[in-house]
PDB file of all heavy atoms in Angstrom:
ATOM      1  N   THR A   1      20.790  21.999   6.699  1.00  0.00           N
ATOM      2  CA  THR A   1      19.861  23.017   6.234  1.00  0.00           C
ATOM      3  C   THR A   1      18.789  23.357   7.263  1.00  0.00           C
ATOM      4  O   THR A   1      18.190  24.426   7.211  1.00  0.00           O
ATOM      5  CB  THR A   1      19.135  22.567   4.949  1.00  0.00           C
ATOM      6  OG1 THR A   1      18.337  21.418   5.246  1.00  0.00           O
ATOM      7  CG2 THR A   1      20.134  22.240   3.845  1.00  0.00           C
ATOM      8  N   GLY A   2      18.502  22.428   8.152  1.00  0.00           N
ATOM      9  CA  GLY A   2      17.441  22.641   9.163  1.00  0.00           C
ATOM     10  C   GLY A   2      16.061  22.279   8.692  1.00  0.00           C
ATOM     11  O   GLY A   2      15.109  22.331   9.444  1.00  0.00           O
ATOM     12  N   GLU A   3      15.923  21.852   7.430  1.00  0.00           N
ATOM     13  CA  GLU A   3      14.615  21.457   6.891  1.00  0.00           C
ATOM     14  C   GLU A   3      14.685  20.026   6.352  1.00  0.00           C
ATOM     15  O   GLU A   3      15.673  19.632   5.749  1.00  0.00           O
ATOM     16  CB  GLU A   3      14.177  22.371   5.762  1.00  0.00           C
ATOM     17  CG  GLU A   3      13.803  23.784   6.213  1.00  0.00           C
ATOM     18  CD  GLU A   3      13.245  24.602   5.081  1.00  0.00           C
ATOM     19  OE1 GLU A   3      13.186  24.119   3.922  1.00  0.00           O
ATOM     20  OE2 GLU A   3      12.851  25.735   5.340  1.00  0.00           O
ATOM     21  N   VAL A   4      13.642  19.278   6.566  1.00  0.00           N
ATOM     22  CA  VAL A   4      13.520  17.932   6.034  1.00  0.00           C
ATOM     23  C   VAL A   4      12.202  17.791   5.259  1.00  0.00           C
ATOM     24  O   VAL A   4      11.225  18.487   5.567  1.00  0.00           O
ATOM     25  CB  VAL A   4      13.591  16.863   7.143  1.00  0.00           C
ATOM     26  CG1 VAL A   4      14.966  16.817   7.769  1.00  0.00           C
ATOM     27  CG2 VAL A   4      12.533  17.086   8.200  1.00  0.00           C
ATOM     28  N   THR A   5      12.191  16.919   4.274  1.00  0.00           N
ATOM     29  CA  THR A   5      10.969  16.598   3.559  1.00  0.00           C
ATOM     30  C   THR A   5      10.601  15.153   3.854  1.00  0.00           C
ATOM     31  O   THR A   5      11.403  14.249   3.639  1.00  0.00           O
ATOM     32  CB  THR A   5      11.150  16.779   2.042  1.00  0.00           C
ATOM     33  OG1 THR A   5      11.535  18.134   1.800  1.00  0.00           O
ATOM     34  CG2 THR A   5       9.887  16.471   1.295  1.00  0.00           C
ATOM     35  N   GLN A   6       9.415  14.972   4.389  1.00  0.00           N
ATOM     36  CA  GLN A   6       8.942  13.632   4.714  1.00  0.00           C
ATOM     37  C   GLN A   6       7.887  13.257   3.687  1.00  0.00           C
ATOM     38  O   GLN A   6       6.944  14.029   3.446  1.00  0.00           O
ATOM     39  CB  GLN A   6       8.372  13.597   6.122  1.00  0.00           C
ATOM     40  CG  GLN A   6       7.950  12.245   6.573  1.00  0.00           C
ATOM     41  CD  GLN A   6       7.432  12.275   8.004  1.00  0.00           C
ATOM     42  OE1 GLN A   6       6.858  13.257   8.465  1.00  0.00           O
ATOM     43  NE2 GLN A   6       7.603  11.194   8.701  1.00  0.00           N
ATOM     44  N   ILE A   7       7.997  12.073   3.097  1.00  0.00           N
ATOM     45  CA  ILE A   7       7.042  11.660   2.088  1.00  0.00           C
ATOM     46  C   ILE A   7       5.978  10.788   2.755  1.00  0.00           C
ATOM     47  O   ILE A   7       6.296   9.824   3.451  1.00  0.00           O
ATOM     48  CB  ILE A   7       7.710  10.854   0.970  1.00  0.00           C
ATOM     49  CG1 ILE A   7       8.714  11.750   0.234  1.00  0.00           C
ATOM     50  CG2 ILE A   7       6.669  10.293   0.009  1.00  0.00           C
ATOM     51  CD1 ILE A   7       9.514  11.041  -0.834  1.00  0.00           C
ATOM     52  N   ARG A   8       4.725  11.156   2.582  1.00  0.00           N
ATOM     53  CA  ARG A   8       3.600  10.344   3.033  1.00  0.00           C
ATOM     54  C   ARG A   8       3.097   9.600   1.789  1.00  0.00           C
ATOM     55  O   ARG A   8       2.555  10.227   0.864  1.00  0.00           O
ATOM     56  CB  ARG A   8       2.501  11.194   3.645  1.00  0.00           C
ATOM     57  CG  ARG A   8       1.384  10.343   4.117  1.00  0.00           C
ATOM     58  CD  ARG A   8       0.459  11.075   5.068  1.00  0.00           C
ATOM     59  NE  ARG A   8      -0.495  10.111   5.568  1.00  0.00           N
ATOM     60  CZ  ARG A   8      -1.732  10.399   5.844  1.00  0.00           C
ATOM     61  NH1 ARG A   8      -2.157  11.635   5.725  1.00  0.00           N
ATOM     62  NH2 ARG A   8      -2.547   9.477   6.292  1.00  0.00           N
ATOM     63  N   TYR A   9       3.328   8.300   1.767  1.00  0.00           N
ATOM     64  CA  TYR A   9       2.976   7.525   0.588  1.00  0.00           C
ATOM     65  C   TYR A   9       1.458   7.402   0.482  1.00  0.00           C
ATOM     66  O   TYR A   9       0.772   7.125   1.466  1.00  0.00           O
ATOM     67  CB  TYR A   9       3.637   6.156   0.646  1.00  0.00           C
ATOM     68  CG  TYR A   9       5.119   6.229   0.502  1.00  0.00           C
ATOM     69  CD1 TYR A   9       5.955   6.026   1.590  1.00  0.00           C
ATOM     70  CD2 TYR A   9       5.698   6.543  -0.716  1.00  0.00           C
ATOM     71  CE1 TYR A   9       7.333   6.126   1.460  1.00  0.00           C
ATOM     72  CE2 TYR A   9       7.082   6.636  -0.850  1.00  0.00           C
ATOM     73  CZ  TYR A   9       7.874   6.427   0.249  1.00  0.00           C
ATOM     74  OH  TYR A   9       9.231   6.508   0.124  1.00  0.00           O
ATOM     75  N   GLY A  10       0.960   7.588  -0.707  1.00  0.00           N
ATOM     76  CA  GLY A  10      -0.453   7.497  -0.972  1.00  0.00           C
ATOM     77  C   GLY A  10      -0.858   6.108  -1.418  1.00  0.00           C
ATOM     78  O   GLY A  10      -0.046   5.207  -1.583  1.00  0.00           O
ATOM     79  N   SER A  11      -2.137   5.958  -1.672  1.00  0.00           N
ATOM     80  CA  SER A  11      -2.649   4.664  -2.116  1.00  0.00           C
ATOM     81  C   SER A  11      -2.173   4.310  -3.527  1.00  0.00           C
ATOM     82  O   SER A  11      -2.225   3.156  -3.925  1.00  0.00           O
ATOM     83  CB  SER A  11      -4.175   4.613  -2.042  1.00  0.00           C
ATOM     84  OG  SER A  11      -4.750   5.635  -2.811  1.00  0.00           O
ATOM     85  N   ASN A  12      -1.651   5.305  -4.270  1.00  0.00           N
ATOM     86  CA  ASN A  12      -1.125   4.999  -5.598  1.00  0.00           C
ATOM     87  C   ASN A  12       0.168   4.173  -5.483  1.00  0.00           C
ATOM     88  O   ASN A  12       0.559   3.536  -6.457  1.00  0.00           O
ATOM     89  CB  ASN A  12      -0.858   6.281  -6.378  1.00  0.00           C
ATOM     90  CG  ASN A  12       0.198   7.168  -5.745  1.00  0.00           C
ATOM     91  OD1 ASN A  12       0.276   7.268  -4.508  1.00  0.00           O
ATOM     92  ND2 ASN A  12       0.983   7.820  -6.558  1.00  0.00           N
ATOM     93  N   SER A  13       0.806   4.154  -4.334  1.00  0.00           N
ATOM     94  CA  SER A  13       2.028   3.367  -4.122  1.00  0.00           C
ATOM     95  C   SER A  13       1.741   1.972  -3.602  1.00  0.00           C
ATOM     96  O   SER A  13       2.664   1.181  -3.416  1.00  0.00           O
ATOM     97  CB  SER A  13       2.943   4.079  -3.120  1.00  0.00           C
ATOM     98  OG  SER A  13       3.360   5.322  -3.636  1.00  0.00           O
ATOM     99  N   ALA A  14       0.489   1.660  -3.311  1.00  0.00           N
ATOM    100  CA  ALA A  14       0.117   0.365  -2.755  1.00  0.00           C
ATOM    101  C   ALA A  14       0.038  -0.702  -3.848  1.00  0.00           C
ATOM    102  O   ALA A  14      -0.277  -0.409  -5.000  1.00  0.00           O
ATOM    103  CB  ALA A  14      -1.212   0.462  -2.019  1.00  0.00           C
ATOM    104  N   GLU A  15       0.304  -1.923  -3.452  1.00  0.00           N
ATOM    105  CA  GLU A  15       0.196  -3.085  -4.340  1.00  0.00           C
ATOM    106  C   GLU A  15      -1.112  -3.812  -4.029  1.00  0.00           C
ATOM    107  O   GLU A  15      -1.386  -4.105  -2.864  1.00  0.00           O
ATOM    108  CB  GLU A  15       1.383  -4.000  -4.103  1.00  0.00           C
ATOM    109  CG  GLU A  15       1.303  -5.321  -4.814  1.00  0.00           C
ATOM    110  CD  GLU A  15       2.402  -6.293  -4.353  1.00  0.00           C
ATOM    111  OE1 GLU A  15       3.260  -5.908  -3.546  1.00  0.00           O
ATOM    112  OE2 GLU A  15       2.358  -7.422  -4.846  1.00  0.00           O
ATOM    113  N   VAL A  16      -1.921  -4.069  -5.043  1.00  0.00           N
ATOM    114  CA  VAL A  16      -3.174  -4.816  -4.845  1.00  0.00           C
ATOM    115  C   VAL A  16      -2.831  -6.300  -4.768  1.00  0.00           C
ATOM    116  O   VAL A  16      -2.320  -6.869  -5.743  1.00  0.00           O
ATOM    117  CB  VAL A  16      -4.181  -4.524  -5.961  1.00  0.00           C
ATOM    118  CG1 VAL A  16      -5.438  -5.358  -5.776  1.00  0.00           C
ATOM    119  CG2 VAL A  16      -4.536  -3.050  -6.017  1.00  0.00           C
ATOM    120  N   LEU A  17      -3.122  -6.918  -3.644  1.00  0.00           N
ATOM    121  CA  LEU A  17      -2.854  -8.357  -3.452  1.00  0.00           C
ATOM    122  C   LEU A  17      -4.004  -9.216  -3.908  1.00  0.00           C
ATOM    123  O   LEU A  17      -3.811 -10.321  -4.368  1.00  0.00           O
ATOM    124  CB  LEU A  17      -2.536  -8.651  -1.978  1.00  0.00           C
ATOM    125  CG  LEU A  17      -1.312  -7.926  -1.394  1.00  0.00           C
ATOM    126  CD1 LEU A  17      -1.171  -8.272   0.087  1.00  0.00           C
ATOM    127  CD2 LEU A  17      -0.054  -8.289  -2.153  1.00  0.00           C
ATOM    128  N   ALA A  18      -5.235  -8.701  -3.748  1.00  0.00           N
ATOM    129  CA  ALA A  18      -6.434  -9.432  -4.165  1.00  0.00           C
ATOM    130  C   ALA A  18      -7.584  -8.459  -4.335  1.00  0.00           C
ATOM    131  O   ALA A  18      -7.614  -7.408  -3.707  1.00  0.00           O
ATOM    132  CB  ALA A  18      -6.779 -10.491  -3.149  1.00  0.00           C
ATOM    133  N   LYS A  19      -8.532  -8.853  -5.183  1.00  0.00           N
ATOM    134  CA  LYS A  19      -9.714  -8.001  -5.395  1.00  0.00           C
ATOM    135  C   LYS A  19     -10.691  -8.082  -4.247  1.00  0.00           C
ATOM    136  O   LYS A  19     -11.440  -7.148  -4.001  1.00  0.00           O
ATOM    137  CB  LYS A  19     -10.414  -8.387  -6.701  1.00  0.00           C
ATOM    138  CG  LYS A  19      -9.597  -8.071  -7.922  1.00  0.00           C
ATOM    139  CD  LYS A  19     -10.336  -8.472  -9.180  1.00  0.00           C
ATOM    140  CE  LYS A  19      -9.489  -8.180 -10.404  1.00  0.00           C
ATOM    141  NZ  LYS A  19     -10.166  -8.586 -11.640  1.00  0.00           N
ATOM    142  N   THR A  20     -10.700  -9.222  -3.545  1.00  0.00           N
ATOM    143  CA  THR A  20     -11.613  -9.393  -2.401  1.00  0.00           C
ATOM    144  C   THR A  20     -10.872 -10.089  -1.269  1.00  0.00           C
ATOM    145  O   THR A  20      -9.823 -10.729  -1.478  1.00  0.00           O
ATOM    146  CB  THR A  20     -12.825 -10.254  -2.784  1.00  0.00           C
ATOM    147  OG1 THR A  20     -12.365 -11.557  -3.137  1.00  0.00           O
ATOM    148  CG2 THR A  20     -13.604  -9.660  -3.944  1.00  0.00           C
ATOM    149  N   VAL A  21     -11.452 -10.037  -0.080  1.00  0.00           N
ATOM    150  CA  VAL A  21     -10.867 -10.718   1.075  1.00  0.00           C
ATOM    151  C   VAL A  21     -10.933 -12.220   0.878  1.00  0.00           C
ATOM    152  O   VAL A  21      -9.999 -12.957   1.204  1.00  0.00           O
ATOM    153  CB  VAL A  21     -11.599 -10.297   2.373  1.00  0.00           C
ATOM    154  CG1 VAL A  21     -11.084 -11.078   3.557  1.00  0.00           C
ATOM    155  CG2 VAL A  21     -11.427  -8.793   2.613  1.00  0.00           C
ATOM    156  N   LYS A  22     -12.022 -12.693   0.294  1.00  0.00           N
ATOM    157  CA  LYS A  22     -12.189 -14.135   0.037  1.00  0.00           C
ATOM    158  C   LYS A  22     -11.055 -14.614  -0.870  1.00  0.00           C
ATOM    159  O   LYS A  22     -10.451 -15.658  -0.608  1.00  0.00           O
ATOM    160  CB  LYS A  22     -13.548 -14.404  -0.605  1.00  0.00           C
ATOM    161  CG  LYS A  22     -13.738 -15.839  -1.001  1.00  0.00           C
ATOM    162  CD  LYS A  22     -15.095 -16.013  -1.717  1.00  0.00           C
ATOM    163  CE  LYS A  22     -15.268 -17.426  -2.236  1.00  0.00           C
ATOM    164  NZ  LYS A  22     -16.513 -17.605  -2.975  1.00  0.00           N
ATOM    165  N   GLU A  23     -10.765 -13.874  -1.928  1.00  0.00           N
ATOM    166  CA  GLU A  23      -9.693 -14.249  -2.850  1.00  0.00           C
ATOM    167  C   GLU A  23      -8.338 -14.270  -2.141  1.00  0.00           C
ATOM    168  O   GLU A  23      -7.535 -15.154  -2.332  1.00  0.00           O
ATOM    169  CB  GLU A  23      -9.643 -13.246  -4.018  1.00  0.00           C
ATOM    170  CG  GLU A  23      -8.562 -13.514  -5.040  1.00  0.00           C
ATOM    171  CD  GLU A  23      -8.530 -12.462  -6.127  1.00  0.00           C
ATOM    172  OE1 GLU A  23      -9.602 -12.015  -6.577  1.00  0.00           O
ATOM    173  OE2 GLU A  23      -7.417 -12.061  -6.504  1.00  0.00           O
ATOM    174  N   TYR A  24      -8.106 -13.289  -1.270  1.00  0.00           N
ATOM    175  CA  TYR A  24      -6.856 -13.227  -0.512  1.00  0.00           C
ATOM    176  C   TYR A  24      -6.694 -14.438   0.400  1.00  0.00           C
ATOM    177  O   TYR A  24      -5.629 -15.047   0.461  1.00  0.00           O
ATOM    178  CB  TYR A  24      -6.813 -11.931   0.312  1.00  0.00           C
ATOM    179  CG  TYR A  24      -5.577 -11.782   1.154  1.00  0.00           C
ATOM    180  CD1 TYR A  24      -4.354 -11.478   0.564  1.00  0.00           C
ATOM    181  CD2 TYR A  24      -5.641 -11.958   2.523  1.00  0.00           C
ATOM    182  CE1 TYR A  24      -3.210 -11.325   1.340  1.00  0.00           C
ATOM    183  CE2 TYR A  24      -4.496 -11.795   3.298  1.00  0.00           C
ATOM    184  CZ  TYR A  24      -3.284 -11.505   2.700  1.00  0.00           C
ATOM    185  OH  TYR A  24      -2.163 -11.373   3.466  1.00  0.00           O
ATOM    186  N   ILE A  25      -7.754 -14.816   1.095  1.00  0.00           N
ATOM    187  CA  ILE A  25      -7.707 -15.973   1.999  1.00  0.00           C
ATOM    188  C   ILE A  25      -7.502 -17.273   1.206  1.00  0.00           C
ATOM    189  O   ILE A  25      -6.661 -18.095   1.572  1.00  0.00           O
ATOM    190  CB  ILE A  25      -8.987 -16.045   2.845  1.00  0.00           C
ATOM    191  CG1 ILE A  25      -9.038 -14.867   3.824  1.00  0.00           C
ATOM    192  CG2 ILE A  25      -9.077 -17.374   3.587  1.00  0.00           C
ATOM    193  CD1 ILE A  25     -10.350 -14.711   4.547  1.00  0.00           C
ATOM    194  N   LEU A  26      -8.234 -17.443   0.126  1.00  0.00           N
ATOM    195  CA  LEU A  26      -8.098 -18.661  -0.687  1.00  0.00           C
ATOM    196  C   LEU A  26      -6.703 -18.771  -1.290  1.00  0.00           C
ATOM    197  O   LEU A  26      -6.111 -19.869  -1.325  1.00  0.00           O
ATOM    198  CB  LEU A  26      -9.175 -18.722  -1.771  1.00  0.00           C
ATOM    199  CG  LEU A  26     -10.583 -19.002  -1.264  1.00  0.00           C
ATOM    200  CD1 LEU A  26     -11.583 -18.946  -2.418  1.00  0.00           C
ATOM    201  CD2 LEU A  26     -10.645 -20.358  -0.580  1.00  0.00           C
ATOM    202  N   ASN A  27      -6.146 -17.662  -1.764  1.00  0.00           N
ATOM    203  CA  ASN A  27      -4.783 -17.689  -2.302  1.00  0.00           C
ATOM    204  C   ASN A  27      -3.793 -18.078  -1.233  1.00  0.00           C
ATOM    205  O   ASN A  27      -2.840 -18.821  -1.503  1.00  0.00           O
ATOM    206  CB  ASN A  27      -4.417 -16.326  -2.886  1.00  0.00           C
ATOM    207  CG  ASN A  27      -5.138 -16.020  -4.180  1.00  0.00           C
ATOM    208  OD1 ASN A  27      -5.669 -16.908  -4.826  1.00  0.00           O
ATOM    209  ND2 ASN A  27      -5.175 -14.750  -4.541  1.00  0.00           N
ATOM    210  N   GLY A  28      -3.989 -17.610  -0.012  1.00  0.00           N
ATOM    211  CA  GLY A  28      -3.098 -17.964   1.097  1.00  0.00           C
ATOM    212  C   GLY A  28      -3.219 -19.433   1.477  1.00  0.00           C
ATOM    213  O   GLY A  28      -2.224 -20.082   1.794  1.00  0.00           O
TER     214      GLY A  28
END
């Protein structure tokens, strides 16, 4: 077709790993 659609994923597609950096480090 000569045309492509590229999806730029937004922050709605992101997974929250921790509420704070401290929580993320302690969980690790």
